[in-house]
Amino acid sequence: MNRQVLGKDNGMLFIFEEGSTPCFWMKDTQIPLSIAFISKTNTIVKIADMQPLSLTEHCSGQPIVLALEVNKGWFEQNNIKVGDKILSIKRIN
């Protein structure tokens, strides 16, 4: 990623084929991030905090269709937790 900063309420959305069980790592990522794995029912099934430059894998553990990376702690600061539903995501290409 090689970014030094991610905007306060910005994130990176990853879209997967239905049934994917992806894993993420932080190689070449300079900033701490949190990731939410989101099922096809728009339910958050897992949230993980990830450390910069780590090769530790953070896997969804079950089939998902979306993963959302944000600044570390953003989900907690916004009282978003596992089991919550995502109502909409603004996509900017």
PDB file of N, CA and C in Angstrom:
ATOM      1  N   MET A   1       0.827  -1.184   0.000  1.00  0.00           N
ATOM      2  CA  MET A   1       0.000   0.000   0.000  1.00  0.00           C
ATOM      3  C   MET A   1       0.873   1.249   0.000  1.00  0.00           C
ATOM      4  N   ASN A   2       1.928   1.258   0.780  1.00  0.00           N
ATOM      5  CA  ASN A   2       2.880   2.377   0.802  1.00  0.00           C
ATOM      6  C   ASN A   2       2.227   3.733   1.022  1.00  0.00           C
ATOM      7  N   ARG A   3       1.201   3.795   1.850  1.00  0.00           N
ATOM      8  CA  ARG A   3       0.550   5.057   2.239  1.00  0.00           C
ATOM      9  C   ARG A   3       1.053   5.454   3.605  1.00  0.00           C
ATOM     10  N   GLN A   4       1.140   6.743   3.837  1.00  0.00           N
ATOM     11  CA  GLN A   4       1.517   7.254   5.149  1.00  0.00           C
ATOM     12  C   GLN A   4       0.294   7.659   5.969  1.00  0.00           C
ATOM     13  N   VAL A   5      -0.841   7.840   5.306  1.00  0.00           N
ATOM     14  CA  VAL A   5      -2.054   8.287   5.999  1.00  0.00           C
ATOM     15  C   VAL A   5      -3.293   7.822   5.219  1.00  0.00           C
ATOM     16  N   LEU A   6      -4.365   7.588   5.964  1.00  0.00           N
ATOM     17  CA  LEU A   6      -5.673   7.296   5.383  1.00  0.00           C
ATOM     18  C   LEU A   6      -6.632   8.304   5.999  1.00  0.00           C
ATOM     19  N   GLY A   7      -7.436   8.970   5.196  1.00  0.00           N
ATOM     20  CA  GLY A   7      -8.359   9.989   5.703  1.00  0.00           C
ATOM     21  C   GLY A   7      -9.213   9.482   6.855  1.00  0.00           C
ATOM     22  N   LYS A   8      -9.641  10.397   7.722  1.00  0.00           N
ATOM     23  CA  LYS A   8     -10.352  10.060   8.960  1.00  0.00           C
ATOM     24  C   LYS A   8     -11.520   9.094   8.757  1.00  0.00           C
ATOM     25  N   ASP A   9     -12.383   9.373   7.836  1.00  0.00           N
ATOM     26  CA  ASP A   9     -13.546   8.509   7.607  1.00  0.00           C
ATOM     27  C   ASP A   9     -13.496   7.854   6.231  1.00  0.00           C
ATOM     28  N   ASN A  10     -12.293   7.606   5.760  1.00  0.00           N
ATOM     29  CA  ASN A  10     -12.094   6.935   4.476  1.00  0.00           C
ATOM     30  C   ASN A  10     -11.770   5.468   4.706  1.00  0.00           C
ATOM     31  N   GLY A  11     -11.893   4.687   3.660  1.00  0.00           N
ATOM     32  CA  GLY A  11     -11.550   3.280   3.750  1.00  0.00           C
ATOM     33  C   GLY A  11     -11.303   2.700   2.375  1.00  0.00           C
ATOM     34  N   MET A  12     -10.958   1.431   2.373  1.00  0.00           N
ATOM     35  CA  MET A  12     -10.723   0.701   1.128  1.00  0.00           C
ATOM     36  C   MET A  12     -11.666  -0.496   1.107  1.00  0.00           C
ATOM     37  N   LEU A  13     -12.477  -0.578   0.072  1.00  0.00           N
ATOM     38  CA  LEU A  13     -13.473  -1.629  -0.051  1.00  0.00           C
ATOM     39  C   LEU A  13     -12.991  -2.669  -1.049  1.00  0.00           C
ATOM     40  N   PHE A  14     -13.010  -3.922  -0.622  1.00  0.00           N
ATOM     41  CA  PHE A  14     -12.618  -5.043  -1.476  1.00  0.00           C
ATOM     42  C   PHE A  14     -13.868  -5.865  -1.756  1.00  0.00           C
ATOM     43  N   ILE A  15     -14.106  -6.169  -3.014  1.00  0.00           N
ATOM     44  CA  ILE A  15     -15.300  -6.902  -3.439  1.00  0.00           C
ATOM     45  C   ILE A  15     -14.876  -8.282  -3.926  1.00  0.00           C
ATOM     46  N   PHE A  16     -15.556  -9.317  -3.425  1.00  0.00           N
ATOM     47  CA  PHE A  16     -15.199 -10.699  -3.742  1.00  0.00           C
ATOM     48  C   PHE A  16     -16.374 -11.436  -4.365  1.00  0.00           C
ATOM     49  N   GLU A  17     -16.044 -12.480  -5.105  1.00  0.00           N
ATOM     50  CA  GLU A  17     -17.069 -13.397  -5.596  1.00  0.00           C
ATOM     51  C   GLU A  17     -17.723 -14.069  -4.392  1.00  0.00           C
ATOM     52  N   GLU A  18     -19.005 -14.359  -4.505  1.00  0.00           N
ATOM     53  CA  GLU A  18     -19.714 -15.026  -3.415  1.00  0.00           C
ATOM     54  C   GLU A  18     -19.022 -16.338  -3.069  1.00  0.00           C
ATOM     55  N   GLY A  19     -18.840 -16.566  -1.779  1.00  0.00           N
ATOM     56  CA  GLY A  19     -18.212 -17.798  -1.318  1.00  0.00           C
ATOM     57  C   GLY A  19     -16.724 -17.687  -1.065  1.00  0.00           C
ATOM     58  N   SER A  20     -16.151 -16.510  -1.268  1.00  0.00           N
ATOM     59  CA  SER A  20     -14.712 -16.328  -1.033  1.00  0.00           C
ATOM     60  C   SER A  20     -14.412 -16.288   0.458  1.00  0.00           C
ATOM     61  N   THR A  21     -13.253 -16.820   0.831  1.00  0.00           N
ATOM     62  CA  THR A  21     -12.772 -16.757   2.217  1.00  0.00           C
ATOM     63  C   THR A  21     -11.355 -16.179   2.200  1.00  0.00           C
ATOM     64  N   PRO A  22     -11.230 -14.886   1.934  1.00  0.00           N
ATOM     65  CA  PRO A  22      -9.913 -14.274   1.743  1.00  0.00           C
ATOM     66  C   PRO A  22      -9.153 -14.053   3.040  1.00  0.00           C
ATOM     67  N   CYS A  23      -7.848 -13.887   2.880  1.00  0.00           N
ATOM     68  CA  CYS A  23      -6.951 -13.506   3.964  1.00  0.00           C
ATOM     69  C   CYS A  23      -6.218 -12.229   3.545  1.00  0.00           C
ATOM     70  N   PHE A  24      -5.938 -11.378   4.515  1.00  0.00           N
ATOM     71  CA  PHE A  24      -5.212 -10.131   4.286  1.00  0.00           C
ATOM     72  C   PHE A  24      -3.974 -10.113   5.161  1.00  0.00           C
ATOM     73  N   TRP A  25      -2.945  -9.413   4.693  1.00  0.00           N
ATOM     74  CA  TRP A  25      -1.750  -9.166   5.496  1.00  0.00           C
ATOM     75  C   TRP A  25      -1.365  -7.712   5.293  1.00  0.00           C
ATOM     76  N   MET A  26      -0.337  -7.255   6.002  1.00  0.00           N
ATOM     77  CA  MET A  26       0.014  -5.838   6.008  1.00  0.00           C
ATOM     78  C   MET A  26       1.394  -5.560   5.414  1.00  0.00           C
ATOM     79  N   LYS A  27       1.921  -6.482   4.634  1.00  0.00           N
ATOM     80  CA  LYS A  27       3.212  -6.258   3.984  1.00  0.00           C
ATOM     81  C   LYS A  27       3.141  -4.955   3.186  1.00  0.00           C
ATOM     82  N   ASP A  28       4.143  -4.108   3.346  1.00  0.00           N
ATOM     83  CA  ASP A  28       4.246  -2.818   2.652  1.00  0.00           C
ATOM     84  C   ASP A  28       3.170  -1.813   3.062  1.00  0.00           C
ATOM     85  N   THR A  29       2.418  -2.093   4.104  1.00  0.00           N
ATOM     86  CA  THR A  29       1.414  -1.147   4.592  1.00  0.00           C
ATOM     87  C   THR A  29       1.992  -0.435   5.807  1.00  0.00           C
ATOM     88  N   GLN A  30       2.092   0.874   5.719  1.00  0.00           N
ATOM     89  CA  GLN A  30       2.806   1.681   6.708  1.00  0.00           C
ATOM     90  C   GLN A  30       1.952   2.114   7.898  1.00  0.00           C
ATOM     91  N   ILE A  31       0.631   1.956   7.816  1.00  0.00           N
ATOM     92  CA  ILE A  31      -0.261   2.461   8.862  1.00  0.00           C
ATOM     93  C   ILE A  31      -1.114   1.324   9.437  1.00  0.00           C
ATOM     94  N   PRO A  32      -1.466   1.404  10.725  1.00  0.00           N
ATOM     95  CA  PRO A  32      -2.317   0.368  11.316  1.00  0.00           C
ATOM     96  C   PRO A  32      -3.750   0.484  10.786  1.00  0.00           C
ATOM     97  N   LEU A  33      -4.352  -0.650  10.504  1.00  0.00           N
ATOM     98  CA  LEU A  33      -5.710  -0.685   9.955  1.00  0.00           C
ATOM     99  C   LEU A  33      -6.581  -1.676  10.720  1.00  0.00           C
ATOM    100  N   SER A  34      -7.871  -1.483  10.625  1.00  0.00           N
ATOM    101  CA  SER A  34      -8.851  -2.479  11.056  1.00  0.00           C
ATOM    102  C   SER A  34      -9.592  -2.939   9.813  1.00  0.00           C
ATOM    103  N   ILE A  35     -10.011  -4.193   9.827  1.00  0.00           N
ATOM    104  CA  ILE A  35     -10.739  -4.745   8.683  1.00  0.00           C
ATOM    105  C   ILE A  35     -12.023  -5.402   9.167  1.00  0.00           C
ATOM    106  N   ALA A  36     -13.101  -5.173   8.427  1.00  0.00           N
ATOM    107  CA  ALA A  36     -14.369  -5.858   8.681  1.00  0.00           C
ATOM    108  C   ALA A  36     -14.664  -6.759   7.494  1.00  0.00           C
ATOM    109  N   PHE A  37     -14.996  -7.994   7.791  1.00  0.00           N
ATOM    110  CA  PHE A  37     -15.397  -8.955   6.769  1.00  0.00           C
ATOM    111  C   PHE A  37     -16.926  -9.002   6.766  1.00  0.00           C
ATOM    112  N   ILE A  38     -17.529  -8.881   5.574  1.00  0.00           N
ATOM    113  CA  ILE A  38     -18.969  -8.689   5.458  1.00  0.00           C
ATOM    114  C   ILE A  38     -19.574  -9.786   4.569  1.00  0.00           C
ATOM    115  N   SER A  39     -20.598 -10.449   5.090  1.00  0.00           N
ATOM    116  CA  SER A  39     -21.237 -11.570   4.380  1.00  0.00           C
ATOM    117  C   SER A  39     -22.187 -11.076   3.293  1.00  0.00           C
ATOM    118  N   LYS A  40     -22.724 -12.029   2.528  1.00  0.00           N
ATOM    119  CA  LYS A  40     -23.661 -11.679   1.451  1.00  0.00           C
ATOM    120  C   LYS A  40     -24.972 -11.110   1.989  1.00  0.00           C
ATOM    121  N   THR A  41     -25.236 -11.275   3.287  1.00  0.00           N
ATOM    122  CA  THR A  41     -26.422 -10.670   3.901  1.00  0.00           C
ATOM    123  C   THR A  41     -26.104  -9.296   4.486  1.00  0.00           C
ATOM    124  N   ASN A  42     -24.931  -8.750   4.134  1.00  0.00           N
ATOM    125  CA  ASN A  42     -24.455  -7.439   4.610  1.00  0.00           C
ATOM    126  C   ASN A  42     -24.214  -7.405   6.117  1.00  0.00           C
ATOM    127  N   THR A  43     -23.921  -8.561   6.693  1.00  0.00           N
ATOM    128  CA  THR A  43     -23.638  -8.661   8.119  1.00  0.00           C
ATOM    129  C   THR A  43     -22.133  -8.724   8.340  1.00  0.00           C
ATOM    130  N   ILE A  44     -21.654  -7.947   9.313  1.00  0.00           N
ATOM    131  CA  ILE A  44     -20.239  -8.018   9.683  1.00  0.00           C
ATOM    132  C   ILE A  44     -20.024  -9.315  10.448  1.00  0.00           C
ATOM    133  N   VAL A  45     -19.173 -10.182   9.920  1.00  0.00           N
ATOM    134  CA  VAL A  45     -18.946 -11.482  10.547  1.00  0.00           C
ATOM    135  C   VAL A  45     -17.636 -11.526  11.327  1.00  0.00           C
ATOM    136  N   LYS A  46     -16.743 -10.570  11.084  1.00  0.00           N
ATOM    137  CA  LYS A  46     -15.471 -10.544  11.803  1.00  0.00           C
ATOM    138  C   LYS A  46     -14.848  -9.165  11.641  1.00  0.00           C
ATOM    139  N   ILE A  47     -14.205  -8.691  12.713  1.00  0.00           N
ATOM    140  CA  ILE A  47     -13.412  -7.462  12.683  1.00  0.00           C
ATOM    141  C   ILE A  47     -12.049  -7.800  13.261  1.00  0.00           C
ATOM    142  N   ALA A  48     -11.001  -7.339  12.599  1.00  0.00           N
ATOM    143  CA  ALA A  48      -9.635  -7.594  13.075  1.00  0.00           C
ATOM    144  C   ALA A  48      -8.816  -6.313  12.985  1.00  0.00           C
ATOM    145  N   ASP A  49      -7.941  -6.120  13.971  1.00  0.00           N
ATOM    146  CA  ASP A  49      -6.966  -5.030  13.933  1.00  0.00           C
ATOM    147  C   ASP A  49      -5.676  -5.573  13.352  1.00  0.00           C
ATOM    148  N   MET A  50      -5.049  -4.785  12.480  1.00  0.00           N
ATOM    149  CA  MET A  50      -3.848  -5.236  11.779  1.00  0.00           C
ATOM    150  C   MET A  50      -2.717  -4.229  11.985  1.00  0.00           C
ATOM    151  N   GLN A  51      -1.525  -4.746  12.255  1.00  0.00           N
ATOM    152  CA  GLN A  51      -0.356  -3.919  12.540  1.00  0.00           C
ATOM    153  C   GLN A  51       0.449  -3.649  11.272  1.00  0.00           C
ATOM    154  N   PRO A  52       1.051  -2.461  11.172  1.00  0.00           N
ATOM    155  CA  PRO A  52       1.855  -2.122   9.992  1.00  0.00           C
ATOM    156  C   PRO A  52       2.973  -3.130   9.741  1.00  0.00           C
ATOM    157  N   LEU A  53       3.206  -3.408   8.476  1.00  0.00           N
ATOM    158  CA  LEU A  53       4.329  -4.215   7.987  1.00  0.00           C
ATOM    159  C   LEU A  53       4.308  -5.672   8.445  1.00  0.00           C
ATOM    160  N   SER A  54       3.214  -6.118   9.026  1.00  0.00           N
ATOM    161  CA  SER A  54       3.108  -7.486   9.539  1.00  0.00           C
ATOM    162  C   SER A  54       2.775  -8.472   8.419  1.00  0.00           C
ATOM    163  N   LEU A  55       3.344  -9.660   8.528  1.00  0.00           N
ATOM    164  CA  LEU A  55       3.024 -10.739   7.593  1.00  0.00           C
ATOM    165  C   LEU A  55       1.972 -11.692   8.164  1.00  0.00           C
ATOM    166  N   THR A  56       1.447 -11.364   9.351  1.00  0.00           N
ATOM    167  CA  THR A  56       0.386 -12.163   9.956  1.00  0.00           C
ATOM    168  C   THR A  56      -0.860 -12.106   9.076  1.00  0.00           C
ATOM    169  N   GLU A  57      -1.438 -13.258   8.793  1.00  0.00           N
ATOM    170  CA  GLU A  57      -2.652 -13.306   7.978  1.00  0.00           C
ATOM    171  C   GLU A  57      -3.889 -13.086   8.843  1.00  0.00           C
ATOM    172  N   HIS A  58      -4.806 -12.302   8.325  1.00  0.00           N
ATOM    173  CA  HIS A  58      -6.105 -12.062   8.950  1.00  0.00           C
ATOM    174  C   HIS A  58      -7.141 -12.567   7.954  1.00  0.00           C
ATOM    175  N   CYS A  59      -7.767 -13.685   8.293  1.00  0.00           N
ATOM    176  CA  CYS A  59      -8.668 -14.373   7.358  1.00  0.00           C
ATOM    177  C   CYS A  59     -10.123 -14.196   7.785  1.00  0.00           C
ATOM    178  N   SER A  60     -11.005 -14.217   6.807  1.00  0.00           N
ATOM    179  CA  SER A  60     -12.429 -14.035   7.089  1.00  0.00           C
ATOM    180  C   SER A  60     -12.997 -15.186   7.915  1.00  0.00           C
ATOM    181  N   GLY A  61     -12.495 -16.387   7.700  1.00  0.00           N
ATOM    182  CA  GLY A  61     -12.961 -17.545   8.457  1.00  0.00           C
ATOM    183  C   GLY A  61     -14.285 -18.112   7.982  1.00  0.00           C
ATOM    184  N   GLN A  62     -14.951 -17.413   7.104  1.00  0.00           N
ATOM    185  CA  GLN A  62     -16.193 -17.885   6.505  1.00  0.00           C
ATOM    186  C   GLN A  62     -16.426 -17.109   5.212  1.00  0.00           C
ATOM    187  N   PRO A  63     -17.335 -17.580   4.374  1.00  0.00           N
ATOM    188  CA  PRO A  63     -17.555 -16.907   3.093  1.00  0.00           C
ATOM    189  C   PRO A  63     -18.039 -15.465   3.276  1.00  0.00           C
ATOM    190  N   ILE A  64     -17.458 -14.570   2.485  1.00  0.00           N
ATOM    191  CA  ILE A  64     -17.838 -13.157   2.518  1.00  0.00           C
ATOM    192  C   ILE A  64     -17.935 -12.632   1.087  1.00  0.00           C
ATOM    193  N   VAL A  65     -18.474 -11.425   0.960  1.00  0.00           N
ATOM    194  CA  VAL A  65     -18.505 -10.756  -0.345  1.00  0.00           C
ATOM    195  C   VAL A  65     -17.805  -9.400  -0.312  1.00  0.00           C
ATOM    196  N   LEU A  66     -17.592  -8.845   0.890  1.00  0.00           N
ATOM    197  CA  LEU A  66     -16.926  -7.554   1.034  1.00  0.00           C
ATOM    198  C   LEU A  66     -15.944  -7.580   2.191  1.00  0.00           C
ATOM    199  N   ALA A  67     -14.889  -6.786   2.057  1.00  0.00           N
ATOM    200  CA  ALA A  67     -13.993  -6.504   3.175  1.00  0.00           C
ATOM    201  C   ALA A  67     -13.742  -5.005   3.152  1.00  0.00           C
ATOM    202  N   LEU A  68     -13.818  -4.380   4.315  1.00  0.00           N
ATOM    203  CA  LEU A  68     -13.632  -2.939   4.422  1.00  0.00           C
ATOM    204  C   LEU A  68     -12.484  -2.647   5.379  1.00  0.00           C
ATOM    205  N   GLU A  69     -11.431  -2.010   4.851  1.00  0.00           N
ATOM    206  CA  GLU A  69     -10.287  -1.591   5.666  1.00  0.00           C
ATOM    207  C   GLU A  69     -10.419  -0.108   5.987  1.00  0.00           C
ATOM    208  N   VAL A  70     -10.199   0.222   7.264  1.00  0.00           N
ATOM    209  CA  VAL A  70     -10.259   1.601   7.751  1.00  0.00           C
ATOM    210  C   VAL A  70      -9.122   1.800   8.744  1.00  0.00           C
ATOM    211  N   ASN A  71      -8.954   3.034   9.217  1.00  0.00           N
ATOM    212  CA  ASN A  71      -7.939   3.284  10.233  1.00  0.00           C
ATOM    213  C   ASN A  71      -8.195   2.412  11.460  1.00  0.00           C
ATOM    214  N   LYS A  72      -7.117   1.940  12.065  1.00  0.00           N
ATOM    215  CA  LYS A  72      -7.231   1.058  13.231  1.00  0.00           C
ATOM    216  C   LYS A  72      -8.069   1.732  14.319  1.00  0.00           C
ATOM    217  N   GLY A  73      -9.040   0.985  14.814  1.00  0.00           N
ATOM    218  CA  GLY A  73      -9.903   1.468  15.884  1.00  0.00           C
ATOM    219  C   GLY A  73     -11.164   2.178  15.410  1.00  0.00           C
ATOM    220  N   TRP A  74     -11.290   2.413  14.107  1.00  0.00           N
ATOM    221  CA  TRP A  74     -12.441   3.152  13.580  1.00  0.00           C
ATOM    222  C   TRP A  74     -13.757   2.449  13.903  1.00  0.00           C
ATOM    223  N   PHE A  75     -13.811   1.147  13.745  1.00  0.00           N
ATOM    224  CA  PHE A  75     -15.056   0.420  14.023  1.00  0.00           C
ATOM    225  C   PHE A  75     -15.451   0.585  15.489  1.00  0.00           C
ATOM    226  N   GLU A  76     -14.494   0.410  16.391  1.00  0.00           N
ATOM    227  CA  GLU A  76     -14.773   0.561  17.824  1.00  0.00           C
ATOM    228  C   GLU A  76     -15.207   1.990  18.151  1.00  0.00           C
ATOM    229  N   GLN A  77     -14.497   2.972  17.604  1.00  0.00           N
ATOM    230  CA  GLN A  77     -14.827   4.385  17.857  1.00  0.00           C
ATOM    231  C   GLN A  77     -16.224   4.742  17.370  1.00  0.00           C
ATOM    232  N   ASN A  78     -16.709   4.040  16.380  1.00  0.00           N
ATOM    233  CA  ASN A  78     -18.031   4.307  15.818  1.00  0.00           C
ATOM    234  C   ASN A  78     -19.079   3.291  16.262  1.00  0.00           C
ATOM    235  N   ASN A  79     -18.728   2.520  17.299  1.00  0.00           N
ATOM    236  CA  ASN A  79     -19.638   1.539  17.900  1.00  0.00           C
ATOM    237  C   ASN A  79     -20.188   0.545  16.869  1.00  0.00           C
ATOM    238  N   ILE A  80     -19.305   0.122  15.967  1.00  0.00           N
ATOM    239  CA  ILE A  80     -19.657  -0.874  14.955  1.00  0.00           C
ATOM    240  C   ILE A  80     -19.036  -2.194  15.373  1.00  0.00           C
ATOM    241  N   LYS A  81     -19.840  -3.250  15.392  1.00  0.00           N
ATOM    242  CA  LYS A  81     -19.344  -4.526  15.911  1.00  0.00           C
ATOM    243  C   LYS A  81     -19.836  -5.703  15.066  1.00  0.00           C
ATOM    244  N   VAL A  82     -19.264  -6.862  15.343  1.00  0.00           N
ATOM    245  CA  VAL A  82     -19.681  -8.097  14.679  1.00  0.00           C
ATOM    246  C   VAL A  82     -21.181  -8.291  14.906  1.00  0.00           C
ATOM    247  N   GLY A  83     -21.882  -8.657  13.853  1.00  0.00           N
ATOM    248  CA  GLY A  83     -23.331  -8.845  13.913  1.00  0.00           C
ATOM    249  C   GLY A  83     -24.107  -7.664  13.363  1.00  0.00           C
ATOM    250  N   ASP A  84     -23.452  -6.500  13.278  1.00  0.00           N
ATOM    251  CA  ASP A  84     -24.111  -5.324  12.708  1.00  0.00           C
ATOM    252  C   ASP A  84     -24.313  -5.508  11.211  1.00  0.00           C
ATOM    253  N   LYS A  85     -25.344  -4.865  10.696  1.00  0.00           N
ATOM    254  CA  LYS A  85     -25.639  -4.893   9.253  1.00  0.00           C
ATOM    255  C   LYS A  85     -25.131  -3.605   8.612  1.00  0.00           C
ATOM    256  N   ILE A  86     -24.592  -3.753   7.411  1.00  0.00           N
ATOM    257  CA  ILE A  86     -24.181  -2.611   6.604  1.00  0.00           C
ATOM    258  C   ILE A  86     -25.377  -2.228   5.742  1.00  0.00           C
ATOM    259  N   LEU A  87     -25.857  -0.999   5.896  1.00  0.00           N
ATOM    260  CA  LEU A  87     -27.028  -0.574   5.134  1.00  0.00           C
ATOM    261  C   LEU A  87     -26.656  -0.090   3.741  1.00  0.00           C
ATOM    262  N   SER A  88     -25.535   0.614   3.643  1.00  0.00           N
ATOM    263  CA  SER A  88     -25.071   1.060   2.327  1.00  0.00           C
ATOM    264  C   SER A  88     -23.603   1.445   2.428  1.00  0.00           C
ATOM    265  N   ILE A  89     -22.928   1.378   1.300  1.00  0.00           N
ATOM    266  CA  ILE A  89     -21.530   1.786   1.214  1.00  0.00           C
ATOM    267  C   ILE A  89     -21.409   2.690   0.004  1.00  0.00           C
ATOM    268  N   LYS A  90     -20.878   3.882   0.233  1.00  0.00           N
ATOM    269  CA  LYS A  90     -20.670   4.819  -0.870  1.00  0.00           C
ATOM    270  C   LYS A  90     -19.403   4.420  -1.600  1.00  0.00           C
ATOM    271  N   ARG A  91     -19.543   4.083  -2.872  1.00  0.00           N
ATOM    272  CA  ARG A  91     -18.397   3.657  -3.677  1.00  0.00           C
ATOM    273  C   ARG A  91     -17.945   4.796  -4.570  1.00  0.00           C
ATOM    274  N   ILE A  92     -16.660   5.069  -4.521  1.00  0.00           N
ATOM    275  CA  ILE A  92     -16.043   6.058  -5.396  1.00  0.00           C
ATOM    276  C   ILE A  92     -14.971   5.341  -6.178  1.00  0.00           C
ATOM    277  N   ASN A  93     -15.037   5.386  -7.483  1.00  0.00           N
ATOM    278  CA  ASN A  93     -14.042   4.710  -8.322  1.00  0.00           C
ATOM    279  C   ASN A  93     -12.916   5.650  -8.658  1.00  0.00           C
TER     280      ASN A  93
END
